[in-house]
Amino acid sequence: MQAAYITISIIIVIASILLTLVVLVQNSKGGGLAANFAAGNQTLGVRQTADFLEKLTWGLAIAVLALCIVATFVVPGRQSHKSQVKEKIEQTAPTSGQPEFPANTIPAQQPTE
């Protein structure tokens, strides 16, 4: 189980780095880093490159999100921690079904006239 968690964590890091690079390469309103890659735009066309980068961005973002969710289910030691907490709760719970409240130790004051 721990090997799966480590593998998923490494894939998440790689996908996050790729996502960062793809976002930086995209042509923003201010030009972005994509302006430096004019030869790539001439070969594939400006619109095709923009569509590809947008699809790649969404794909990587969804992949990172899905991998993070999967990683939460394969965290090593997750089950043992849950059972330890459950045992502590069961040990501290009162044995009877009714809660125990302290007796009223403050005497009631008599109304003054």
Protein backbone atom coordinates (compact mmCIF):
# COMPACT_ATOMS: atom_id res chain seq x y z
CA MET A 1 0.00 0.00 0.00
CA GLN A 2 2.87 2.36 0.76
CA ALA A 3 4.44 1.76 -2.67
CA ALA A 4 1.17 2.79 -4.36
CA TYR A 5 1.04 5.97 -2.28
CA ILE A 6 4.63 6.87 -3.18
CA THR A 7 3.98 6.17 -6.87
CA ILE A 8 0.84 8.32 -6.90
CA SER A 9 2.67 11.10 -5.05
CA ILE A 10 5.47 11.12 -7.62
CA ILE A 11 2.95 11.23 -10.48
CA ILE A 12 1.17 14.15 -8.77
CA VAL A 13 4.44 16.09 -8.50
CA ILE A 14 5.32 15.43 -12.16
CA ALA A 15 1.82 16.41 -13.34
CA SER A 16 1.94 19.58 -11.23
CA ILE A 17 5.28 20.61 -12.73
CA LEU A 18 3.98 19.93 -16.24
CA LEU A 19 0.83 21.93 -15.47
CA THR A 20 2.94 24.87 -14.31
CA LEU A 21 5.05 24.78 -17.46
CA VAL A 22 2.01 24.52 -19.76
CA VAL A 23 0.38 27.51 -18.06
CA LEU A 24 3.56 29.55 -18.42
CA VAL A 25 3.88 28.69 -22.12
CA GLN A 26 0.33 29.78 -22.95
CA ASN A 27 -0.10 33.06 -24.76
CA SER A 28 -1.72 35.51 -22.41
CA LYS A 29 -3.00 38.98 -23.23
CA GLY A 30 0.43 40.34 -22.41
CA GLY A 31 2.28 37.97 -24.74
CA GLY A 32 3.47 35.34 -22.26
CA LEU A 33 6.29 32.93 -22.89
CA ALA A 34 4.50 31.54 -25.95
CA ALA A 35 5.57 34.64 -27.88
CA ASN A 36 9.13 33.26 -27.87
CA PHE A 37 8.03 30.12 -29.71
CA ALA A 38 7.04 31.75 -33.01
CA ALA A 39 8.35 28.83 -35.09
CA GLY A 40 5.99 26.40 -33.36
CA ASN A 41 3.06 28.69 -34.05
CA GLN A 42 3.94 28.92 -37.74
CA THR A 43 4.15 25.14 -38.12
CA LEU A 44 0.95 24.17 -36.31
CA GLY A 45 -0.95 27.40 -36.59
CA VAL A 46 -1.69 29.81 -33.78
CA ARG A 47 -5.21 28.56 -33.11
CA GLN A 48 -4.26 24.86 -33.05
CA THR A 49 -1.46 25.53 -30.59
CA ALA A 50 -3.74 27.52 -28.31
CA ASP A 51 -6.41 24.80 -28.41
CA PHE A 52 -3.86 22.10 -27.66
CA LEU A 53 -2.39 24.02 -24.72
CA GLU A 54 -5.85 24.73 -23.32
CA LYS A 55 -6.86 21.07 -23.56
CA LEU A 56 -3.57 19.99 -22.04
CA THR A 57 -4.06 22.44 -19.15
CA TRP A 58 -7.53 21.12 -18.39
CA GLY A 59 -6.38 17.52 -18.72
CA LEU A 60 -3.45 17.99 -16.34
CA ALA A 61 -5.59 19.90 -13.84
CA ILE A 62 -8.21 17.14 -13.81
CA ALA A 63 -5.48 14.49 -13.54
CA VAL A 64 -3.89 16.23 -10.53
CA LEU A 65 -7.28 16.54 -8.83
CA ALA A 66 -8.18 12.89 -9.48
CA LEU A 67 -4.77 11.66 -8.32
CA CYS A 68 -5.05 13.69 -5.10
CA ILE A 69 -8.42 12.10 -4.37
CA VAL A 70 -7.04 8.62 -5.09
CA ALA A 71 -4.02 9.33 -2.88
CA THR A 72 -6.27 10.04 0.11
CA PHE A 73 -7.67 6.53 -0.15
CA VAL A 74 -4.27 4.82 -0.23
CA VAL A 75 -2.57 6.75 2.58
CA PRO A 76 -0.53 4.21 4.57
CA GLY A 77 -1.58 3.77 8.19
CA ARG A 78 -4.97 5.35 7.61
CA GLN A 79 -7.00 2.42 8.97
CA SER A 80 -4.95 1.98 12.13
CA HIS A 81 -5.34 5.64 13.04
CA LYS A 82 -9.09 5.45 12.58
CA SER A 83 -9.37 2.42 14.84
CA GLN A 84 -7.22 4.04 17.54
CA VAL A 85 -9.50 7.07 17.62
CA LYS A 86 -12.57 4.82 17.75
CA GLU A 87 -11.09 2.85 20.67
CA LYS A 88 -10.37 6.05 22.63
CA ILE A 89 -13.92 7.28 22.10
CA GLU A 90 -15.37 3.97 23.23
CA GLN A 91 -13.15 3.95 26.34
CA THR A 92 -14.19 7.44 27.43
CA ALA A 93 -17.91 7.00 26.73
CA PRO A 94 -20.10 6.37 29.81
CA THR A 95 -21.23 2.80 30.24
CA SER A 96 -24.90 3.63 30.73
CA GLY A 97 -27.09 5.11 28.05
CA GLN A 98 -27.78 8.31 29.99
CA PRO A 99 -25.22 11.10 30.35
CA GLU A 100 -24.00 11.86 33.83
CA PHE A 101 -24.47 15.44 34.98
CA PRO A 102 -23.00 16.86 38.18
CA ALA A 103 -25.41 17.49 41.03
CA ASN A 104 -26.50 21.04 41.69
CA THR A 105 -24.11 22.22 44.40
CA ILE A 106 -25.28 25.84 44.55
CA PRO A 107 -28.12 26.28 47.05
CA ALA A 108 -31.15 28.13 45.79
CA GLN A 109 -31.39 31.68 47.16
CA GLN A 110 -34.49 32.74 49.00
CA PRO A 111 -36.24 35.78 47.54
CA THR A 112 -35.69 38.89 49.64
CA GLU A 113 -38.56 41.09 50.62
